Amino acid sequence: MIVVVCPGQGSQTPGFLEPWLQNPAFADELRAMSEQSVTDLVTAGTTADAETIRDTALAQPLIVAAGLLALNALFSDGRRAAIGGIAGHSVGEITAAAGAGVLSTAEALTFVGERGRAMKAAAALTPTGMSAVLGGDEAELLARLEELGLEPANFNGGGQIVVAGALEALTALAADPPAKSRVVPLQVAGAFHTRYMRPAVAHLTEVATGLRPQDPSLPLWTNNDGSTVADGSRFVDLLVGQVSSPVRWDLCMQSFADAGVTGIIEVAPAGALVGLAKRALRGIPSVAIKTPDDLPAAYALIDHQA
């Protein structure tokens, strides 16, 4: 069973879409998505610098658009029928929703544009940040977070948990981390997937009323608890709530294993989720679609297991 995974914020790098835009068909597709998202995705994916594309309001539509480019190429020639399921990490869940048919491309791009702007606005209300905690005992870490008023934001599996909250509390955690752990500050604008994002949830609740979700036509896992969701409207509700709730990617990967995953394909901008899978799902073959040159390996993985 092949599972397709869609990455989240932080996976983008300067110029990562340049190889895609050498193909006129991909270039036309990205220009159309720029119009739908009201964002210059062509410039963002080619000539914009790292600081520019770190902006939450720009990064989120850029990541989803890149994922949709790769998905459309991956699912060509009837290969979609050979896919066993799809899931996304954080904003990548919007890419996955489109891939599973819950949202149209236009709806996905509209929603992610609103999401990015709303989360940027929420982050600007209070100085907050995020740090990755590598190693250590999870129970000890969670107790330490409670002491400091911090929250777990991403349970990424493989001994990695991203935590978030007030900057001074993150500094205190780094100064006195749990035993056998290491704290790495992340270059992000705010405490995503925590209580600090509740203003964005309120806005996205209104935005979601304009969507017309369909039930997924592929097995679709949720970051909420790693389960599959068969109701499109419920998945949209989870997309909204996810903004202020932890991402349980660890549970998603456990669900892949329980379902009998035999291969993982990560769509652009790929690399992070395949890296996590290599630690948590050892021995499972994987392909990261970073450029169009990676598509033949992805096709081969699908065709070999079809």
Protein backbone atom coordinates (compact mmCIF):
# COMPACT_ATOMS: atom_id res chain seq x y z
CA MET A 1 0.00 0.00 0.00
CA ILE A 2 1.44 3.34 -1.10
CA VAL A 3 0.75 6.38 1.11
CA VAL A 4 1.24 9.90 -0.24
CA VAL A 5 2.28 12.52 2.32
CA CYS A 6 2.19 16.30 2.01
CA PRO A 7 4.66 18.48 3.94
CA GLY A 8 4.01 21.49 6.15
CA GLN A 9 5.48 24.92 6.78
CA GLY A 10 9.26 25.09 6.93
CA SER A 11 9.77 22.70 4.02
CA GLN A 12 10.16 25.54 1.49
CA THR A 13 13.59 26.74 0.34
CA PRO A 14 14.61 29.60 -1.98
CA GLY A 15 14.19 28.75 -5.67
CA PHE A 16 12.75 25.28 -5.08
CA LEU A 17 10.13 25.67 -7.83
CA GLU A 18 12.58 26.70 -10.55
CA PRO A 19 12.99 23.14 -11.94
CA TRP A 20 9.20 22.78 -12.14
CA LEU A 21 8.72 26.00 -14.07
CA GLN A 22 11.05 24.86 -16.82
CA ASN A 23 8.06 22.80 -17.98
CA PRO A 24 5.49 25.14 -19.62
CA ALA A 25 2.57 23.03 -18.38
CA PHE A 26 3.69 23.32 -14.75
CA ALA A 27 4.37 27.04 -15.24
CA ASP A 28 0.84 27.60 -16.56
CA GLU A 29 -0.60 25.60 -13.67
CA LEU A 30 1.30 27.64 -11.08
CA ARG A 31 0.22 30.93 -12.68
CA ALA A 32 -3.40 29.79 -12.43
CA MET A 33 -2.90 28.91 -8.77
CA SER A 34 -1.34 32.34 -8.19
CA GLU A 35 -4.58 33.92 -9.37
CA GLN A 36 -6.69 31.63 -7.19
CA SER A 37 -4.64 32.29 -4.07
CA VAL A 38 -4.09 36.02 -4.81
CA THR A 39 -0.36 35.42 -4.30
CA ASP A 40 2.60 35.71 -6.68
CA LEU A 41 3.64 32.09 -6.34
CA VAL A 42 5.95 32.22 -9.34
CA THR A 43 8.21 34.87 -7.80
CA ALA A 44 7.90 33.26 -4.35
CA GLY A 45 9.02 29.88 -5.66
CA THR A 46 11.88 31.11 -7.84
CA THR A 47 13.60 34.41 -6.98
CA ALA A 48 12.33 35.28 -3.48
CA ASP A 49 14.87 34.96 -0.67
CA ALA A 50 14.61 32.82 2.45
CA GLU A 51 13.33 35.63 4.65
CA THR A 52 10.56 36.48 2.20
CA ILE A 53 9.23 32.96 1.90
CA ARG A 54 9.38 32.47 5.67
CA ASP A 55 6.42 34.87 5.92
CA THR A 56 3.50 32.72 7.05
CA ALA A 57 1.02 34.42 4.72
CA LEU A 58 3.23 33.57 1.73
CA ALA A 59 4.76 30.28 2.84
CA GLN A 60 1.47 28.44 3.34
CA PRO A 61 -0.06 28.97 -0.13
CA LEU A 62 3.36 28.38 -1.67
CA ILE A 63 3.70 24.98 0.01
CA VAL A 64 0.18 23.89 -0.87
CA ALA A 65 0.56 25.01 -4.49
CA ALA A 66 3.85 23.11 -4.82
CA GLY A 67 2.23 20.01 -3.39
CA LEU A 68 -0.68 20.28 -5.81
CA LEU A 69 1.72 20.57 -8.76
CA ALA A 70 3.43 17.35 -7.70
CA LEU A 71 0.15 15.59 -6.90
CA ASN A 72 -1.31 16.35 -10.31
CA ALA A 73 1.80 14.95 -11.96
CA LEU A 74 1.88 11.93 -9.66
CA PHE A 75 -1.77 11.04 -10.24
CA SER A 76 -1.51 11.26 -14.04
CA ASP A 77 -1.95 8.22 -16.28
CA GLY A 78 -4.39 6.58 -13.85
CA ARG A 79 -1.89 6.07 -11.04
CA ARG A 80 -4.21 7.67 -8.49
CA ALA A 81 -6.17 4.40 -8.44
CA ALA A 82 -3.08 2.60 -7.11
CA ILE A 83 -2.65 4.94 -4.12
CA GLY A 84 -3.65 3.48 -0.75
CA GLY A 85 -4.18 6.77 1.09
CA ILE A 86 -3.01 10.32 1.69
CA ALA A 87 -2.16 12.55 4.65
CA GLY A 88 -0.63 15.96 5.27
CA HIS A 89 1.40 17.52 8.06
CA SER A 90 -0.11 20.79 9.37
CA VAL A 91 -0.81 23.02 6.34
CA GLY A 92 -0.08 19.96 4.21
CA GLU A 93 -3.47 18.64 5.30
CA ILE A 94 -5.00 21.15 2.89
CA THR A 95 -2.93 19.65 0.06
CA ALA A 96 -4.09 16.21 1.16
CA ALA A 97 -7.72 17.35 1.29
CA ALA A 98 -7.48 18.44 -2.34
CA GLY A 99 -5.69 15.22 -3.30
CA ALA A 100 -8.47 13.17 -1.69
CA GLY A 101 -11.19 15.22 -3.41
CA VAL A 102 -12.54 16.85 -0.23
CA LEU A 103 -11.71 20.32 -1.57
CA SER A 104 -11.33 21.58 -5.12
CA THR A 105 -8.03 23.17 -6.07
CA ALA A 106 -9.65 26.60 -5.95
CA GLU A 107 -11.14 25.93 -2.49
CA ALA A 108 -7.83 24.63 -1.16
CA LEU A 109 -5.98 27.71 -2.36
CA THR A 110 -8.64 30.09 -1.05
CA PHE A 111 -8.63 28.37 2.33
CA VAL A 112 -4.84 28.24 2.67
CA GLY A 113 -4.55 31.91 1.74
CA GLU A 114 -7.01 32.81 4.50
CA ARG A 115 -5.24 30.44 6.90
CA GLY A 116 -1.82 31.95 6.31
CA ARG A 117 -3.02 35.52 6.74
CA ALA A 118 -5.08 34.67 9.84
CA MET A 119 -2.23 32.81 11.52
CA LYS A 120 0.18 35.64 10.74
CA ALA A 121 -2.24 38.12 12.33
CA ALA A 122 -2.70 35.91 15.40
CA ALA A 123 1.07 35.52 15.78
CA ALA A 124 1.50 39.30 15.73
CA LEU A 125 -0.68 39.73 18.84
CA THR A 126 1.87 38.27 21.29
CA PRO A 127 5.62 37.55 20.92
CA THR A 128 5.83 33.76 20.78
CA GLY A 129 7.89 31.10 19.08
CA MET A 130 8.60 27.40 18.66
CA SER A 131 11.48 25.03 19.45
CA ALA A 132 12.16 21.43 18.52
CA VAL A 133 12.97 19.11 21.40
CA LEU A 134 15.06 16.13 20.33
CA GLY A 135 15.32 13.05 22.53
CA GLY A 136 14.52 12.72 26.20
CA ASP A 137 11.50 11.26 27.97
CA GLU A 138 8.13 12.45 26.64
CA ALA A 139 6.36 12.39 30.01
CA GLU A 140 9.16 14.42 31.60
CA LEU A 141 9.01 16.93 28.77
CA LEU A 142 5.23 17.35 28.99
CA ALA A 143 5.48 17.97 32.73
CA ARG A 144 8.19 20.57 32.14
CA LEU A 145 6.05 22.28 29.49
CA GLU A 146 3.15 22.54 31.93
CA GLU A 147 5.42 24.18 34.50
CA LEU A 148 6.52 26.77 31.94
CA GLY A 149 3.13 27.41 30.32
CA LEU A 150 4.34 25.95 27.02
CA GLU A 151 2.41 23.55 24.78
CA PRO A 152 3.38 20.63 22.54
CA ALA A 153 2.63 21.72 18.97
CA ASN A 154 3.90 18.86 16.79
CA PHE A 155 4.43 15.26 17.88
CA ASN A 156 6.61 14.34 14.91
CA GLY A 157 7.70 10.87 15.97
CA GLY A 158 11.25 9.58 15.96
CA GLY A 159 11.96 11.31 19.28
CA GLN A 160 11.06 14.80 18.04
CA ILE A 161 8.43 17.06 19.60
CA VAL A 162 8.01 20.72 18.62
CA VAL A 163 6.91 22.93 21.51
CA ALA A 164 5.58 26.47 21.45
CA GLY A 165 4.67 29.46 23.57
CA ALA A 166 6.12 32.60 25.13
CA LEU A 167 9.70 33.40 24.13
CA GLU A 168 10.95 33.70 27.71
CA ALA A 169 9.50 30.29 28.53
CA LEU A 170 11.23 28.75 25.51
CA THR A 171 14.49 30.31 26.67
CA ALA A 172 13.96 28.78 30.12
CA LEU A 173 13.34 25.37 28.58
CA ALA A 174 16.54 25.59 26.54
CA ALA A 175 18.50 26.57 29.65
CA ASP A 176 17.16 23.62 31.66
CA PRO A 177 15.91 20.91 29.26
CA PRO A 178 14.71 17.43 30.26
CA ALA A 179 17.44 14.84 30.70
CA LYS A 180 19.04 13.54 27.50
CA SER A 181 17.21 16.08 25.33
CA ARG A 182 18.31 18.95 23.13
CA VAL A 183 16.28 22.10 22.43
CA VAL A 184 16.63 23.76 19.01
CA PRO A 185 14.91 27.14 18.42
CA LEU A 186 12.98 27.33 15.15
CA GLN A 187 12.79 30.33 12.83
CA VAL A 188 9.01 30.77 12.83
CA ALA A 189 6.74 33.74 13.43
CA GLY A 190 4.68 32.41 16.34
CA ALA A 191 3.28 29.59 18.46
CA PHE A 192 1.34 27.67 15.83
CA HIS A 193 -0.98 24.83 16.89
CA THR A 194 -1.47 26.31 20.37
CA ARG A 195 -3.97 28.52 22.20
CA TYR A 196 -2.28 31.57 20.68
CA MET A 197 -3.89 30.70 17.34
CA ARG A 198 -7.51 30.81 18.57
CA PRO A 199 -8.20 34.13 16.80
CA ALA A 200 -7.28 32.41 13.52
CA VAL A 201 -9.63 29.52 14.32
CA ALA A 202 -12.50 31.97 14.76
CA HIS A 203 -11.80 33.50 11.35
CA LEU A 204 -11.38 30.16 9.57
CA THR A 205 -14.66 28.91 11.04
CA GLU A 206 -16.35 31.66 9.02
CA VAL A 207 -14.26 30.96 5.92
CA ALA A 208 -15.20 27.28 6.04
CA THR A 209 -18.89 28.10 5.65
CA GLY A 210 -18.13 29.05 2.05
CA LEU A 211 -16.63 25.65 1.21
CA ARG A 212 -18.53 22.73 -0.30
CA PRO A 213 -16.57 19.70 0.91
CA GLN A 214 -17.03 16.27 -0.63
CA ASP A 215 -16.37 12.96 1.08
CA PRO A 216 -12.82 11.74 0.39
CA SER A 217 -12.31 9.33 -2.48
CA LEU A 218 -9.04 8.09 -0.94
CA PRO A 219 -8.34 7.00 2.65
CA LEU A 220 -7.47 10.26 4.40
CA TRP A 221 -5.74 10.43 7.78
CA THR A 222 -6.10 13.36 10.19
CA ASN A 223 -3.44 15.09 12.30
CA ASN A 224 -6.00 15.22 15.10
CA ASP A 225 -5.53 11.62 16.22
CA GLY A 226 -4.10 9.66 13.29
CA SER A 227 -7.44 8.13 12.32
CA THR A 228 -9.00 8.06 8.87
CA VAL A 229 -11.89 10.42 8.18
CA ALA A 230 -14.62 9.42 5.74
CA ASP A 231 -16.77 12.56 6.06
CA GLY A 232 -15.59 15.59 4.12
CA SER A 233 -17.39 18.13 6.28
CA ARG A 234 -15.85 16.66 9.42
CA PHE A 235 -12.40 16.83 7.83
CA VAL A 236 -12.87 20.54 7.12
CA ASP A 237 -13.90 21.04 10.76
CA LEU A 238 -10.69 19.30 11.78
CA LEU A 239 -8.69 21.50 9.39
CA VAL A 240 -10.05 24.55 11.18
CA GLY A 241 -9.45 23.20 14.69
CA GLN A 242 -5.98 21.94 13.80
CA VAL A 243 -4.68 25.52 13.71
CA SER A 244 -4.78 25.69 17.53
CA SER A 245 -4.34 21.96 18.28
CA PRO A 246 -1.27 19.70 18.28
CA VAL A 247 -0.25 17.92 15.08
CA ARG A 248 -0.10 14.20 15.88
CA TRP A 249 2.10 13.08 13.02
CA ASP A 250 3.42 10.31 15.24
CA LEU A 251 -0.07 8.80 15.34
CA CYS A 252 -0.45 9.21 11.57
CA MET A 253 2.73 7.21 10.99
CA GLN A 254 1.57 4.56 13.44
CA SER A 255 -1.68 4.33 11.49
CA PHE A 256 0.25 3.92 8.24
CA ALA A 257 2.11 1.00 9.79
CA ASP A 258 -1.10 -0.54 11.14
CA ALA A 259 -2.69 -0.25 7.68
CA GLY A 260 0.22 -2.12 6.10
CA VAL A 261 2.09 0.68 4.34
CA THR A 262 4.65 -0.64 1.83
CA GLY A 263 5.82 2.65 0.33
CA ILE A 264 5.74 6.40 1.02
CA ILE A 265 5.83 9.21 -1.52
CA GLU A 266 6.26 12.80 -0.31
CA VAL A 267 5.17 15.57 -2.64
CA ALA A 268 6.98 18.88 -3.04
CA PRO A 269 8.58 20.61 -1.25
CA ALA A 270 9.67 17.19 -0.09
CA GLY A 271 12.21 15.77 2.33
CA ALA A 272 11.09 16.38 5.91
CA LEU A 273 8.37 13.73 6.15
CA VAL A 274 10.41 11.09 4.37
CA GLY A 275 13.14 11.82 6.89
CA LEU A 276 10.77 11.22 9.80
CA ALA A 277 9.48 8.03 8.18
CA LYS A 278 12.99 6.64 7.83
CA ARG A 279 13.32 6.78 11.61
CA ALA A 280 9.78 5.72 12.59
CA LEU A 281 8.95 3.33 9.72
CA ARG A 282 12.29 1.70 9.15
CA GLY A 283 12.68 -0.35 6.00
CA ILE A 284 9.71 1.17 4.17
CA PRO A 285 10.83 2.40 0.73
CA SER A 286 10.21 6.08 0.07
CA VAL A 287 10.53 8.74 -2.61
CA ALA A 288 10.76 12.50 -2.04
CA ILE A 289 9.48 14.44 -5.06
CA LYS A 290 11.62 17.57 -4.89
CA THR A 291 11.80 18.23 -8.64
CA PRO A 292 10.19 16.72 -11.75
CA ASP A 293 13.30 14.55 -12.08
CA ASP A 294 12.06 12.60 -9.03
CA LEU A 295 8.75 11.67 -10.66
CA PRO A 296 10.07 8.56 -12.50
CA ALA A 297 11.19 7.04 -9.17
CA ALA A 298 7.76 7.74 -7.69
CA TYR A 299 6.04 6.19 -10.73
CA ALA A 300 8.29 3.16 -10.43
CA LEU A 301 7.43 2.70 -6.75
CA ILE A 302 3.70 2.83 -7.56
CA ASP A 303 3.95 0.59 -10.62
CA HIS A 304 6.08 -1.98 -8.77
CA GLN A 305 3.46 -2.36 -6.05
CA ALA A 306 0.33 -1.99 -8.19
